[in-house]
Amino acid sequence: MELLERMIRERGETRPGGILKVDGFLNHRLDYELYREIGAEFKRLFESAEPTLILTIEASGIALAMTASLSLGIPMVFAKKSKTKNLDPDLLHASVVSFTHGGTSDVIVSKRYIAPTDRVLIIDDFLATGEASFGLISIVEQAGAKVVGIGIAIEKAFQGGGEKLRAAGYDLHSLARVKLEDDGSIDFLPDE
């Protein structure tokens, strides 16, 4: 997606260890024009799959999923990273290792929010090793529902998660596929 790639080039920052900072426009301070275009692009990419529900993981995926939800006109739910007192006791859960945070979270969704008849579109801000996506896939499978696509804002193509998801047969579309070079520069690869 041209606008996202331009913003990454102009405002993104690279850090050692495969870190790409985009918090000035994507996952801390949100650029409304970018989000409007992202929602429209996810609709273009996935509308024909006829999703009935969008699933993401807190926290940075929520705004992207909501944008896609509004564009597609379908509900969204997010997997929580901690259990609260007001959650239903009947939960779907998966352990997810976070590349960015460097730890493992047990993510949870109330069983009442994903029906076996749902056609689920997974949306997230980053794809690195694929752990978050596979965790959300596990939650969908536990519900007896079907994953009809995975939409990612930025795929770090050098970390292999996209390759694993595509090899597993998932319809994955990344709006920007990046490769971070040792000199701190960013290259973009085409969506597969």
Protein backbone atom coordinates (compact mmCIF):
# COMPACT_ATOMS: atom_id res chain seq x y z
CA MET A 1 0.00 0.00 0.00
CA GLU A 2 1.64 3.14 -1.25
CA LEU A 3 0.63 5.53 1.56
CA LEU A 4 1.78 3.14 4.29
CA GLU A 5 5.11 2.48 2.56
CA ARG A 6 5.68 6.23 2.12
CA MET A 7 4.97 6.88 5.80
CA ILE A 8 7.33 4.07 6.83
CA ARG A 9 10.07 5.53 4.61
CA GLU A 10 9.56 9.09 5.83
CA ARG A 11 8.63 8.60 9.49
CA GLY A 12 9.56 5.06 10.48
CA GLU A 13 12.68 4.41 12.53
CA THR A 14 14.77 1.27 12.63
CA ARG A 15 16.47 -0.04 15.74
CA PRO A 16 18.95 -2.88 16.25
CA GLY A 17 17.47 -6.36 16.56
CA GLY A 18 14.90 -6.09 13.76
CA ILE A 19 12.80 -3.33 15.36
CA LEU A 20 10.78 -0.95 13.19
CA LYS A 21 9.22 1.96 15.09
CA VAL A 22 6.03 3.30 13.53
CA ASP A 23 4.41 4.61 16.68
CA GLY A 24 4.11 8.16 15.28
CA PHE A 25 1.41 7.11 12.80
CA LEU A 26 0.36 3.45 13.20
CA ASN A 27 0.41 1.99 16.69
CA HIS A 28 0.58 4.77 19.27
CA ARG A 29 -0.37 8.04 17.57
CA LEU A 30 -2.81 7.11 14.81
CA ASP A 31 -2.99 8.88 11.44
CA TYR A 32 -6.67 9.03 10.47
CA GLU A 33 -6.02 9.30 6.70
CA LEU A 34 -3.79 6.24 6.84
CA TYR A 35 -6.37 4.32 8.86
CA ARG A 36 -9.17 5.27 6.47
CA GLU A 37 -7.12 3.91 3.54
CA ILE A 38 -6.14 0.78 5.47
CA GLY A 39 -9.80 0.02 6.18
CA ALA A 40 -10.67 0.46 2.50
CA GLU A 41 -7.75 -1.74 1.44
CA PHE A 42 -8.66 -4.55 3.83
CA LYS A 43 -12.22 -4.37 2.47
CA ARG A 44 -10.92 -4.60 -1.11
CA LEU A 45 -8.66 -7.55 -0.26
CA PHE A 46 -11.06 -9.62 1.83
CA GLU A 47 -14.68 -8.72 1.01
CA SER A 48 -14.99 -11.60 -1.46
CA ALA A 49 -14.06 -14.08 1.32
CA GLU A 50 -17.32 -13.03 3.02
CA PRO A 51 -15.99 -12.67 6.57
CA THR A 52 -18.58 -12.39 9.33
CA LEU A 53 -16.22 -11.42 12.16
CA ILE A 54 -12.84 -9.75 12.63
CA LEU A 55 -10.47 -11.01 15.32
CA THR A 56 -7.36 -9.25 16.59
CA ILE A 57 -5.20 -9.15 19.69
CA GLU A 58 -4.82 -6.29 22.13
CA ALA A 59 -3.57 -3.66 22.05
CA SER A 60 -2.14 -2.33 18.79
CA GLY A 61 -4.36 -4.47 16.58
CA ILE A 62 -7.59 -3.03 17.96
CA ALA A 63 -7.65 0.24 15.99
CA LEU A 64 -6.74 -1.53 12.73
CA ALA A 65 -9.41 -4.18 13.30
CA MET A 66 -12.00 -1.51 14.08
CA THR A 67 -11.15 0.31 10.86
CA ALA A 68 -11.58 -2.93 8.90
CA SER A 69 -14.78 -3.67 10.83
CA LEU A 70 -16.28 -0.32 9.87
CA SER A 71 -15.24 -0.72 6.22
CA LEU A 72 -16.61 -4.25 5.94
CA GLY A 73 -19.67 -3.62 8.11
CA ILE A 74 -19.04 -6.60 10.38
CA PRO A 75 -18.34 -6.93 14.13
CA MET A 76 -14.90 -7.35 15.64
CA VAL A 77 -13.58 -8.91 18.81
CA PHE A 78 -10.15 -8.74 20.35
CA ALA A 79 -8.26 -11.33 22.32
CA LYS A 80 -7.36 -10.03 25.77
CA LYS A 81 -3.93 -10.56 27.27
CA SER A 82 -5.22 -10.82 30.82
CA LYS A 83 -8.24 -12.30 32.50
CA THR A 84 -10.51 -9.85 34.28
CA LYS A 85 -13.23 -10.45 36.86
CA ASN A 86 -16.02 -9.51 34.45
CA LEU A 87 -15.13 -12.06 31.74
CA ASP A 88 -17.23 -15.14 31.23
CA PRO A 89 -15.63 -18.23 32.76
CA ASP A 90 -16.04 -20.14 29.45
CA LEU A 91 -12.98 -19.01 27.49
CA LEU A 92 -11.00 -19.83 24.38
CA HIS A 93 -7.28 -19.35 24.93
CA ALA A 94 -3.86 -19.69 23.35
CA SER A 95 -0.30 -19.01 24.44
CA VAL A 96 1.41 -16.42 22.26
CA VAL A 97 5.09 -15.49 22.24
CA SER A 98 5.61 -11.81 21.41
CA PHE A 99 8.70 -10.85 19.43
CA THR A 100 8.30 -7.18 20.39
CA HIS A 101 7.60 -7.70 24.08
CA GLY A 102 9.88 -10.70 24.48
CA GLY A 103 7.47 -12.70 26.59
CA THR A 104 4.57 -15.13 26.45
CA SER A 105 0.93 -14.15 26.98
CA ASP A 106 -2.07 -16.38 27.43
CA VAL A 107 -4.60 -14.60 25.20
CA ILE A 108 -8.29 -15.17 25.77
CA VAL A 109 -11.67 -14.65 24.12
CA SER A 110 -15.07 -15.44 25.58
CA LYS A 111 -16.60 -18.44 23.78
CA ARG A 112 -19.82 -16.49 23.32
CA TYR A 113 -18.16 -14.08 20.86
CA ILE A 114 -17.04 -16.54 18.16
CA ALA A 115 -19.70 -18.85 16.77
CA PRO A 116 -18.94 -22.09 14.90
CA THR A 117 -20.61 -20.50 11.84
CA ASP A 118 -18.29 -17.47 11.84
CA ARG A 119 -15.96 -16.78 8.92
CA VAL A 120 -13.12 -14.99 10.69
CA LEU A 121 -10.75 -12.40 9.29
CA ILE A 122 -7.67 -11.91 11.48
CA ILE A 123 -6.22 -8.39 11.47
CA ASP A 124 -3.01 -7.20 13.17
CA ASP A 125 -0.49 -4.39 12.98
CA PHE A 126 2.72 -6.42 12.69
CA LEU A 127 3.69 -9.89 11.55
CA ALA A 128 7.12 -11.07 12.67
CA THR A 129 7.47 -14.77 13.52
CA GLY A 130 3.76 -15.51 13.16
CA GLU A 131 3.15 -16.46 16.80
CA ALA A 132 0.26 -14.01 17.33
CA SER A 133 -1.47 -15.08 14.12
CA PHE A 134 -1.13 -18.77 14.95
CA GLY A 135 -2.45 -18.10 18.45
CA LEU A 136 -5.53 -16.37 17.01
CA ILE A 137 -5.96 -19.20 14.49
CA SER A 138 -5.97 -21.64 17.42
CA ILE A 139 -8.71 -19.62 19.13
CA VAL A 140 -10.82 -19.65 15.95
CA GLU A 141 -10.35 -23.42 15.59
CA GLN A 142 -11.29 -23.99 19.25
CA ALA A 143 -14.56 -22.16 18.51
CA GLY A 144 -15.18 -24.44 15.51
CA ALA A 145 -15.12 -21.40 13.19
CA LYS A 146 -13.12 -20.85 10.00
CA VAL A 147 -10.27 -18.43 9.25
CA VAL A 148 -10.97 -16.89 5.83
CA GLY A 149 -8.02 -14.48 5.74
CA ILE A 150 -5.27 -12.68 7.59
CA GLY A 151 -4.65 -8.97 7.05
CA ILE A 152 -1.45 -7.41 8.34
CA ALA A 153 -0.37 -3.78 8.19
CA ILE A 154 3.40 -4.45 8.27
CA GLU A 155 5.04 -7.81 7.68
CA LYS A 156 8.68 -8.10 8.70
CA ALA A 157 9.48 -10.46 5.83
CA PHE A 158 12.92 -11.28 7.21
CA GLN A 159 11.45 -13.00 10.30
CA GLY A 160 9.62 -15.84 8.54
CA GLY A 161 6.10 -15.59 9.96
CA GLY A 162 4.54 -14.80 6.59
CA GLU A 163 6.25 -17.76 4.98
CA LYS A 164 4.89 -20.10 7.68
CA LEU A 165 1.32 -18.80 7.34
CA ARG A 166 1.36 -18.96 3.53
CA ALA A 167 2.85 -22.48 3.64
CA ALA A 168 0.01 -23.49 5.98
CA GLY A 169 -2.46 -22.35 3.30
CA TYR A 170 -3.79 -19.13 4.82
CA ASP A 171 -4.88 -16.23 2.60
CA LEU A 172 -2.43 -13.66 3.96
CA HIS A 173 -2.15 -10.10 2.70
CA SER A 174 0.33 -7.62 4.11
CA LEU A 175 -0.06 -3.96 3.23
CA ALA A 176 3.70 -3.39 3.56
CA ARG A 177 6.29 -6.16 3.50
CA VAL A 178 9.58 -4.83 4.83
CA LYS A 179 13.14 -6.01 4.95
CA LEU A 180 15.42 -4.14 7.33
CA GLU A 181 18.99 -3.82 6.15
CA ASP A 182 22.06 -3.80 8.42
CA ASP A 183 22.68 -0.13 7.58
CA GLY A 184 19.24 0.80 8.93
CA SER A 185 17.61 1.21 5.53
CA ILE A 186 14.23 -0.30 4.70
CA ASP A 187 13.43 -2.26 1.55
CA PHE A 188 9.91 -3.14 0.48
CA LEU A 189 8.89 -6.47 -1.03
CA PRO A 190 5.67 -7.12 -2.99
CA ASP A 191 2.69 -8.73 -1.26
CA GLU A 192 2.54 -12.44 -2.10
